[in-house]
C-alpha atoms as a PDB file:
ATOM      1  CA  MET A   1      -0.704  10.869 -11.139  1.00  0.00           C
ATOM      2  CA  ALA A   2      -2.063  14.254 -12.066  1.00  0.00           C
ATOM      3  CA  ALA A   3      -5.315  14.025 -14.011  1.00  0.00           C
ATOM      4  CA  LEU A   4      -5.013  15.738 -17.364  1.00  0.00           C
ATOM      5  CA  LEU A   5      -7.897  16.691 -19.605  1.00  0.00           C
ATOM      6  CA  ASN A   6      -6.739  15.044 -22.812  1.00  0.00           C
ATOM      7  CA  LEU A   7      -3.931  13.486 -24.800  1.00  0.00           C
ATOM      8  CA  LYS A   8      -2.678  16.867 -26.038  1.00  0.00           C
ATOM      9  CA  HIS A   9      -2.174  18.007 -22.458  1.00  0.00           C
ATOM     10  CA  GLU A  10      -0.304  14.786 -21.615  1.00  0.00           C
ATOM     11  CA  THR A  11       1.892  15.111 -24.705  1.00  0.00           C
ATOM     12  CA  ALA A  12       2.585  18.758 -23.940  1.00  0.00           C
ATOM     13  CA  ALA A  13       3.537  17.888 -20.344  1.00  0.00           C
ATOM     14  CA  GLN A  14       5.894  15.163 -21.555  1.00  0.00           C
ATOM     15  CA  MET A  15       7.526  17.410 -24.140  1.00  0.00           C
ATOM     16  CA  LEU A  16       7.869  20.257 -21.643  1.00  0.00           C
ATOM     17  CA  ALA A  17       9.389  17.907 -19.062  1.00  0.00           C
ATOM     18  CA  GLU A  18      11.916  16.647 -21.610  1.00  0.00           C
ATOM     19  CA  ASP A  19      12.809  20.277 -22.440  1.00  0.00           C
ATOM     20  CA  ARG A  20      14.118  19.410 -25.904  1.00  0.00           C
ATOM     21  CA  GLU A  21      11.819  21.562 -28.033  1.00  0.00           C
ATOM     22  CA  THR A  22      10.763  25.175 -27.896  1.00  0.00           C
ATOM     23  CA  ASP A  23       7.193  26.133 -27.081  1.00  0.00           C
ATOM     24  CA  GLN A  24       6.697  26.918 -30.770  1.00  0.00           C
ATOM     25  CA  GLN A  25       7.916  23.469 -31.819  1.00  0.00           C
ATOM     26  CA  ILE A  26       5.633  21.806 -29.273  1.00  0.00           C
ATOM     27  CA  ALA A  27       2.726  23.905 -30.540  1.00  0.00           C
ATOM     28  CA  VAL A  28       3.347  22.794 -34.125  1.00  0.00           C
ATOM     29  CA  VAL A  29       3.475  19.117 -33.103  1.00  0.00           C
ATOM     30  CA  LEU A  30       0.216  19.428 -31.168  1.00  0.00           C
ATOM     31  CA  GLY A  31      -1.557  21.653 -33.683  1.00  0.00           C
ATOM     32  CA  VAL A  32      -2.114  24.534 -31.273  1.00  0.00           C
ATOM     33  CA  SER A  33      -0.701  28.027 -30.927  1.00  0.00           C
ATOM     34  CA  ARG A  34       2.396  28.932 -28.959  1.00  0.00           C
ATOM     35  CA  ARG A  35       0.150  31.047 -26.711  1.00  0.00           C
ATOM     36  CA  THR A  36      -1.878  27.923 -25.909  1.00  0.00           C
ATOM     37  CA  ILE A  37       1.302  26.133 -24.822  1.00  0.00           C
ATOM     38  CA  GLU A  38       2.202  29.141 -22.681  1.00  0.00           C
ATOM     39  CA  TYR A  39      -1.283  29.037 -21.123  1.00  0.00           C
ATOM     40  CA  TRP A  40      -1.066  25.291 -20.500  1.00  0.00           C
ATOM     41  CA  LYS A  41       2.315  25.678 -18.785  1.00  0.00           C
ATOM     42  CA  HIS A  42       0.587  27.698 -16.052  1.00  0.00           C
ATOM     43  CA  ARG A  43      -2.227  25.205 -15.435  1.00  0.00           C
ATOM     44  CA  PRO A  44      -1.725  23.470 -12.064  1.00  0.00           C
ATOM     45  CA  GLU A  45      -2.542  19.984 -13.353  1.00  0.00           C
ATOM     46  CA  ILE A  46      -0.008  20.288 -16.184  1.00  0.00           C
ATOM     47  CA  GLN A  47       2.613  21.707 -13.823  1.00  0.00           C
ATOM     48  CA  ALA A  48       1.960  18.782 -11.451  1.00  0.00           C
ATOM     49  CA  ARG A  49       2.320  16.287 -14.302  1.00  0.00           C
ATOM     50  CA  ILE A  50       5.607  17.877 -15.401  1.00  0.00           C
ATOM     51  CA  VAL A  51       6.903  17.550 -11.823  1.00  0.00           C
ATOM     52  CA  GLU A  52       5.823  13.875 -11.750  1.00  0.00           C
ATOM     53  CA  LEU A  53       7.567  13.154 -15.033  1.00  0.00           C
ATOM     54  CA  CYS A  54      10.764  14.890 -13.907  1.00  0.00           C
ATOM     55  CA  GLU A  55      10.763  13.033 -10.576  1.00  0.00           C
ATOM     56  CA  PHE A  56      10.220   9.731 -12.383  1.00  0.00           C
ATOM     57  CA  ALA A  57      13.111  10.470 -14.756  1.00  0.00           C
ATOM     58  CA  ALA A  58      15.356  11.450 -11.828  1.00  0.00           C
ATOM     59  CA  ALA A  59      14.497   8.220  -9.987  1.00  0.00           C
ATOM     60  CA  ARG A  60      15.266   6.134 -13.085  1.00  0.00           C
ATOM     61  CA  MET A  61      18.592   7.911 -13.490  1.00  0.00           C
ATOM     62  CA  GLN A  62      19.456   7.323  -9.826  1.00  0.00           C
ATOM     63  CA  ASN A  63      18.603   3.623 -10.197  1.00  0.00           C
ATOM     64  CA  ARG A  64      20.884   3.401 -13.231  1.00  0.00           C
ATOM     65  CA  VAL A  65      23.726   5.056 -11.321  1.00  0.00           C
ATOM     66  CA  GLU A  66      23.266   2.706  -8.358  1.00  0.00           C
ATOM     67  CA  GLN A  67      23.105  -0.324 -10.645  1.00  0.00           C
ATOM     68  CA  HIS A  68      26.267   0.783 -12.449  1.00  0.00           C
ATOM     69  CA  GLU A  69      28.061   1.251  -9.118  1.00  0.00           C
ATOM     70  CA  TRP A  70      26.925  -2.198  -7.951  1.00  0.00           C
ATOM     71  CA  PHE A  71      28.254  -3.857 -11.126  1.00  0.00           C
ATOM     72  CA  TRP A  72      31.502  -1.931 -10.838  1.00  0.00           C
ATOM     73  CA  GLU A  73      31.968  -3.012  -7.200  1.00  0.00           C
ATOM     74  CA  ARG A  74      31.320  -6.668  -8.099  1.00  0.00           C
ATOM     75  CA  GLU A  75      33.805  -6.466 -10.952  1.00  0.00           C
ATOM     76  CA  CYS A  76      36.433  -4.962  -8.629  1.00  0.00           C
ATOM     77  CA  LEU A  77      35.863  -7.744  -6.109  1.00  0.00           C
ATOM     78  CA  ARG A  78      36.188 -10.394  -8.823  1.00  0.00           C
ATOM     79  CA  ARG A  79      39.434  -8.885 -10.052  1.00  0.00           C
ATOM     80  CA  GLN A  80      40.699  -8.661  -6.500  1.00  0.00           C
ATOM     81  CA  ALA A  81      39.839 -12.318  -5.902  1.00  0.00           C
ATOM     82  CA  GLN A  82      41.616 -13.374  -9.101  1.00  0.00           C
ATOM     83  CA  ALA A  83      44.700 -11.221  -8.593  1.00  0.00           C
ATOM     84  CA  SER A  84      45.247 -11.677  -4.869  1.00  0.00           C
ATOM     85  CA  LYS A  85      48.093 -13.905  -3.754  1.00  0.00           C
ATOM     86  CA  SER A  86      46.681 -14.086  -0.248  1.00  0.00           C
ATOM     87  CA  PRO A  87      44.255 -16.990   0.129  1.00  0.00           C
ATOM     88  CA  VAL A  88      42.440 -15.118   2.910  1.00  0.00           C
ATOM     89  CA  ALA A  89      41.914 -11.994   0.792  1.00  0.00           C
ATOM     90  CA  ARG A  90      40.784 -14.175  -2.107  1.00  0.00           C
ATOM     91  CA  ARG A  91      38.228 -15.997   0.081  1.00  0.00           C
ATOM     92  CA  VAL A  92      36.886 -12.708   1.461  1.00  0.00           C
ATOM     93  CA  ALA A  93      36.472 -11.243  -2.023  1.00  0.00           C
ATOM     94  CA  VAL A  94      34.814 -14.413  -3.347  1.00  0.00           C
ATOM     95  CA  ALA A  95      32.478 -14.488  -0.325  1.00  0.00           C
ATOM     96  CA  GLN A  96      31.476 -10.856  -0.921  1.00  0.00           C
ATOM     97  CA  VAL A  97      30.746 -11.519  -4.598  1.00  0.00           C
ATOM     98  CA  GLN A  98      28.693 -14.587  -3.686  1.00  0.00           C
ATOM     99  CA  ASP A  99      26.754 -12.617  -1.042  1.00  0.00           C
ATOM    100  CA  ASP A 100      25.956  -9.934  -3.649  1.00  0.00           C
ATOM    101  CA  GLU A 101      24.662 -12.532  -6.083  1.00  0.00           C
ATOM    102  CA  ARG A 102      22.107 -13.830  -3.575  1.00  0.00           C
END
């Protein structure tokens, strides 16, 4: 984790990483000038923290996508097991669902 000087720097890095507010809006929230925010954006430790926060958010999003896909695959297997008229196909689908649950 990048070492930041104070809470204002951390808050600025988080707000800049989220990219929801303008520099002026961030400055108002933090009680500094827009020029200060512009200066902070060029500081290596703040840039490093922004990168860390963005990478963390990307990893969380990827985990959510993978988890959603896993649930969707399990649901498809369950439906296949319930709908299949073939006892072999049903057993295979049930076995796959049970393996996933372990």
